[in-house]
N, C-alpha and C. Protein backbone atom coordinates (compact mmCIF):
# COMPACT_ATOMS: atom_id res chain seq x y z
N MET A 1 -169.03 31.15 31.90
CA MET A 1 -169.55 31.37 30.58
C MET A 1 -169.04 32.69 29.99
N LYS A 2 -168.68 33.61 30.87
CA LYS A 2 -168.21 34.91 30.39
C LYS A 2 -166.85 34.80 29.71
N MET A 3 -166.15 33.70 29.94
CA MET A 3 -164.80 33.56 29.38
C MET A 3 -164.81 32.95 27.99
N GLN A 4 -165.96 32.52 27.50
CA GLN A 4 -166.02 31.95 26.15
C GLN A 4 -165.88 33.07 25.13
N VAL A 5 -165.04 32.84 24.13
CA VAL A 5 -164.84 33.83 23.06
C VAL A 5 -166.11 33.87 22.22
N GLN A 6 -166.66 35.07 22.03
CA GLN A 6 -167.94 35.20 21.36
C GLN A 6 -167.84 35.73 19.94
N ASP A 7 -166.64 36.11 19.50
CA ASP A 7 -166.46 36.63 18.14
C ASP A 7 -165.16 36.12 17.55
N ASN A 8 -165.13 36.04 16.24
CA ASN A 8 -163.89 35.72 15.53
C ASN A 8 -163.01 36.96 15.49
N PRO A 9 -161.72 36.80 15.16
CA PRO A 9 -160.85 37.98 15.03
C PRO A 9 -161.42 38.94 13.98
N SER A 10 -161.14 40.21 14.16
CA SER A 10 -161.65 41.20 13.22
C SER A 10 -160.81 41.18 11.94
N GLY A 11 -161.38 41.71 10.90
CA GLY A 11 -160.67 41.82 9.63
C GLY A 11 -160.67 40.52 8.85
N ASP A 12 -159.74 40.42 7.93
CA ASP A 12 -159.62 39.26 7.05
C ASP A 12 -158.70 38.23 7.70
N PHE A 13 -159.14 37.69 8.84
CA PHE A 13 -158.27 36.82 9.64
C PHE A 13 -157.81 35.54 8.93
N PRO A 14 -158.60 34.93 8.03
CA PRO A 14 -158.07 33.73 7.36
C PRO A 14 -156.83 34.02 6.51
N ASN A 15 -156.79 35.19 5.89
CA ASN A 15 -155.62 35.54 5.08
C ASN A 15 -154.44 36.00 5.92
N MET A 16 -154.65 36.20 7.21
CA MET A 16 -153.56 36.54 8.12
C MET A 16 -153.11 35.29 8.88
N PHE A 17 -153.50 34.11 8.37
CA PHE A 17 -153.14 32.82 8.95
C PHE A 17 -153.66 32.67 10.38
N CYS A 18 -154.84 33.22 10.63
CA CYS A 18 -155.49 33.06 11.93
C CYS A 18 -156.66 32.09 11.77
N HIS A 19 -156.92 31.33 12.81
CA HIS A 19 -158.01 30.37 12.82
C HIS A 19 -159.21 31.01 13.49
N ILE A 20 -160.40 30.46 13.26
CA ILE A 20 -161.58 30.97 13.95
C ILE A 20 -161.38 30.82 15.45
N SER A 21 -162.02 31.66 16.22
CA SER A 21 -161.93 31.53 17.67
C SER A 21 -163.30 31.63 18.34
N LYS A 22 -164.33 31.97 17.59
CA LYS A 22 -165.68 32.08 18.15
C LYS A 22 -166.12 30.73 18.70
N GLY A 23 -166.53 30.73 19.96
CA GLY A 23 -166.99 29.51 20.61
C GLY A 23 -165.95 28.82 21.46
N SER A 24 -164.71 29.30 21.40
CA SER A 24 -163.63 28.64 22.13
C SER A 24 -163.47 29.21 23.54
N TRP A 25 -162.71 28.49 24.33
CA TRP A 25 -162.23 28.99 25.61
C TRP A 25 -160.72 29.10 25.48
N THR A 26 -160.15 30.12 26.12
CA THR A 26 -158.71 30.35 26.05
C THR A 26 -158.06 29.98 27.38
N LEU A 27 -156.75 30.15 27.47
CA LEU A 27 -156.05 29.85 28.72
C LEU A 27 -156.31 30.90 29.79
N SER A 28 -156.64 32.12 29.40
CA SER A 28 -156.84 33.15 30.41
C SER A 28 -158.21 33.81 30.28
N HIS A 29 -158.38 34.75 29.39
CA HIS A 29 -159.64 35.46 29.22
C HIS A 29 -159.91 35.62 27.73
N GLN A 30 -161.16 35.99 27.39
CA GLN A 30 -161.52 36.01 25.98
C GLN A 30 -160.78 37.07 25.18
N ASP A 31 -160.26 38.11 25.80
CA ASP A 31 -159.45 39.10 25.08
C ASP A 31 -158.12 38.50 24.63
N HIS A 32 -157.71 37.44 25.30
CA HIS A 32 -156.48 36.72 24.94
C HIS A 32 -156.59 36.23 23.49
N GLY A 33 -157.76 35.68 23.13
CA GLY A 33 -158.08 35.36 21.75
C GLY A 33 -157.53 34.08 21.17
N TRP A 34 -156.52 33.47 21.78
CA TRP A 34 -155.96 32.24 21.22
C TRP A 34 -156.74 31.05 21.75
N GLN A 35 -157.41 30.37 20.85
CA GLN A 35 -158.25 29.25 21.23
C GLN A 35 -157.41 28.04 21.65
N VAL A 36 -157.92 27.29 22.62
CA VAL A 36 -157.23 26.11 23.12
C VAL A 36 -158.24 24.96 23.10
N SER A 37 -157.91 23.90 22.38
CA SER A 37 -158.87 22.80 22.22
C SER A 37 -159.19 22.13 23.55
N ASP A 38 -158.19 21.93 24.41
CA ASP A 38 -158.44 21.29 25.71
C ASP A 38 -159.36 22.14 26.58
N CYS A 39 -159.10 23.44 26.62
CA CYS A 39 -159.93 24.35 27.42
C CYS A 39 -161.35 24.39 26.87
N THR A 40 -161.47 24.40 25.55
CA THR A 40 -162.79 24.43 24.92
C THR A 40 -163.56 23.15 25.22
N ALA A 41 -162.90 22.01 25.14
CA ALA A 41 -163.56 20.74 25.42
C ALA A 41 -164.02 20.67 26.88
N GLU A 42 -163.19 21.11 27.80
CA GLU A 42 -163.57 21.10 29.22
C GLU A 42 -164.70 22.10 29.50
N GLY A 43 -164.64 23.26 28.86
CA GLY A 43 -165.71 24.25 29.02
C GLY A 43 -167.03 23.73 28.50
N LEU A 44 -166.99 23.09 27.34
CA LEU A 44 -168.21 22.51 26.77
C LEU A 44 -168.76 21.41 27.67
N LYS A 45 -167.88 20.58 28.19
CA LYS A 45 -168.30 19.49 29.08
C LYS A 45 -169.02 20.06 30.31
N CYS A 46 -168.46 21.10 30.90
CA CYS A 46 -169.09 21.73 32.06
C CYS A 46 -170.46 22.31 31.71
N CYS A 47 -170.54 22.95 30.55
CA CYS A 47 -171.81 23.55 30.13
C CYS A 47 -172.89 22.50 29.89
N LEU A 48 -172.48 21.32 29.47
CA LEU A 48 -173.44 20.24 29.26
C LEU A 48 -173.87 19.59 30.57
N LEU A 49 -173.01 19.66 31.59
CA LEU A 49 -173.33 19.06 32.89
C LEU A 49 -174.05 20.03 33.84
N LEU A 50 -173.88 21.33 33.64
CA LEU A 50 -174.48 22.31 34.55
C LEU A 50 -176.01 22.21 34.66
N PRO A 51 -176.74 21.90 33.59
CA PRO A 51 -178.20 21.80 33.73
C PRO A 51 -178.65 20.70 34.69
N LEU A 52 -177.76 19.80 35.08
CA LEU A 52 -178.11 18.76 36.03
C LEU A 52 -178.20 19.29 37.46
N LEU A 53 -177.62 20.46 37.69
CA LEU A 53 -177.66 21.08 39.02
C LEU A 53 -178.91 21.95 39.15
N PRO A 54 -179.32 22.25 40.39
CA PRO A 54 -180.49 23.11 40.59
C PRO A 54 -180.27 24.50 39.98
N PRO A 55 -181.31 25.09 39.38
CA PRO A 55 -181.19 26.39 38.72
C PRO A 55 -180.74 27.51 39.66
N GLU A 56 -181.07 27.42 40.95
CA GLU A 56 -180.66 28.47 41.89
C GLU A 56 -179.15 28.46 42.12
N ILE A 57 -178.50 27.36 41.85
CA ILE A 57 -177.04 27.28 41.97
C ILE A 57 -176.37 27.71 40.67
N VAL A 58 -176.91 27.24 39.55
CA VAL A 58 -176.30 27.46 38.24
C VAL A 58 -176.57 28.85 37.71
N GLY A 59 -177.77 29.33 37.87
CA GLY A 59 -178.13 30.62 37.29
C GLY A 59 -178.68 30.46 35.88
N GLN A 60 -178.47 31.48 35.07
CA GLN A 60 -179.02 31.52 33.72
C GLN A 60 -178.38 30.46 32.83
N GLN A 61 -179.21 29.79 32.02
CA GLN A 61 -178.71 28.76 31.11
C GLN A 61 -177.96 29.39 29.94
N LEU A 62 -177.02 28.64 29.41
CA LEU A 62 -176.26 29.06 28.25
C LEU A 62 -177.13 28.94 27.00
N GLN A 63 -177.00 29.90 26.10
CA GLN A 63 -177.76 29.85 24.85
C GLN A 63 -177.26 28.69 24.00
N PRO A 64 -178.17 27.95 23.37
CA PRO A 64 -177.75 26.80 22.54
C PRO A 64 -176.74 27.18 21.45
N GLN A 65 -176.85 28.37 20.88
CA GLN A 65 -175.92 28.77 19.82
C GLN A 65 -174.47 28.76 20.31
N ARG A 66 -174.26 29.10 21.58
CA ARG A 66 -172.90 29.11 22.11
C ARG A 66 -172.35 27.69 22.26
N LEU A 67 -173.23 26.72 22.53
CA LEU A 67 -172.81 25.32 22.54
C LEU A 67 -172.44 24.87 21.13
N TYR A 68 -173.24 25.27 20.15
CA TYR A 68 -172.95 24.92 18.75
C TYR A 68 -171.63 25.53 18.31
N ASP A 69 -171.35 26.77 18.74
CA ASP A 69 -170.08 27.41 18.39
C ASP A 69 -168.89 26.63 18.96
N ALA A 70 -169.04 26.13 20.18
CA ALA A 70 -167.96 25.36 20.80
C ALA A 70 -167.73 24.04 20.06
N VAL A 71 -168.80 23.37 19.69
CA VAL A 71 -168.67 22.12 18.92
C VAL A 71 -168.04 22.41 17.56
N ASN A 72 -168.46 23.50 16.93
CA ASN A 72 -167.92 23.87 15.61
C ASN A 72 -166.41 24.07 15.66
N ILE A 73 -165.94 24.78 16.66
CA ILE A 73 -164.49 25.03 16.70
C ILE A 73 -163.72 23.76 17.04
N LEU A 74 -164.28 22.89 17.88
CA LEU A 74 -163.60 21.62 18.16
C LEU A 74 -163.48 20.77 16.90
N LEU A 75 -164.54 20.75 16.11
CA LEU A 75 -164.49 19.99 14.86
C LEU A 75 -163.52 20.61 13.86
N SER A 76 -163.35 21.92 13.93
CA SER A 76 -162.45 22.60 12.98
C SER A 76 -160.99 22.29 13.28
N PHE A 77 -160.69 21.77 14.46
CA PHE A 77 -159.31 21.44 14.82
C PHE A 77 -158.87 20.08 14.28
N GLN A 78 -159.74 19.36 13.61
CA GLN A 78 -159.39 18.03 13.12
C GLN A 78 -158.90 18.09 11.67
N PHE A 79 -157.91 17.26 11.37
CA PHE A 79 -157.50 17.08 9.98
C PHE A 79 -158.62 16.34 9.26
N SER A 80 -158.92 16.74 8.05
CA SER A 80 -160.00 16.07 7.33
C SER A 80 -159.64 14.64 6.94
N SER A 81 -158.37 14.35 6.73
CA SER A 81 -157.99 13.01 6.29
C SER A 81 -157.58 12.09 7.44
N LEU A 82 -156.97 12.64 8.48
CA LEU A 82 -156.44 11.80 9.55
C LEU A 82 -157.35 11.69 10.76
N GLY A 83 -158.16 12.71 11.00
CA GLY A 83 -158.99 12.71 12.18
C GLY A 83 -158.23 13.03 13.45
N ALA A 84 -156.94 13.27 13.34
CA ALA A 84 -156.13 13.59 14.51
C ALA A 84 -156.30 15.05 14.88
N SER A 85 -156.20 15.33 16.15
CA SER A 85 -156.33 16.70 16.63
C SER A 85 -155.13 17.51 16.21
N LYS A 86 -155.35 18.77 15.95
CA LYS A 86 -154.26 19.68 15.63
C LYS A 86 -154.44 20.95 16.44
N SER A 87 -153.35 21.59 16.78
CA SER A 87 -153.46 22.81 17.56
C SER A 87 -153.32 24.06 16.71
N ILE A 88 -152.63 23.95 15.58
CA ILE A 88 -152.43 25.10 14.71
C ILE A 88 -152.75 24.69 13.29
N LYS A 89 -153.49 25.51 12.60
CA LYS A 89 -153.83 25.23 11.21
C LYS A 89 -152.56 25.20 10.37
N MET A 90 -152.43 24.18 9.55
CA MET A 90 -151.26 24.07 8.69
C MET A 90 -151.35 25.09 7.56
N VAL A 91 -150.29 25.86 7.38
CA VAL A 91 -150.26 26.88 6.34
C VAL A 91 -148.96 26.73 5.55
N GLY A 92 -148.91 27.38 4.42
CA GLY A 92 -147.69 27.36 3.63
C GLY A 92 -147.78 26.39 2.49
N ALA A 93 -146.63 26.09 1.91
CA ALA A 93 -146.56 25.20 0.75
C ALA A 93 -146.93 23.78 1.14
N SER A 94 -147.58 23.10 0.23
CA SER A 94 -147.94 21.70 0.51
C SER A 94 -147.32 20.77 -0.51
């Protein structure tokens, strides 16, 4: 759970062509900052399955807001018209 990105990039990140990253999991550590949809989906899946194990094995439960953040970023990776997954937000002339 410590590897989940808990904040978006600082500054005016949308105008710097950066996507949100709060709620995602990255390939390495949260300082890496580049969100990965596959890692986020697997992390979310694990977080949803962990409550099925005994609390003495799992430890402290994840806050619901962090689950919502993960779902939010996964939904943000979809094209609004196609529904297909995308890895990088399309920018530039259309």
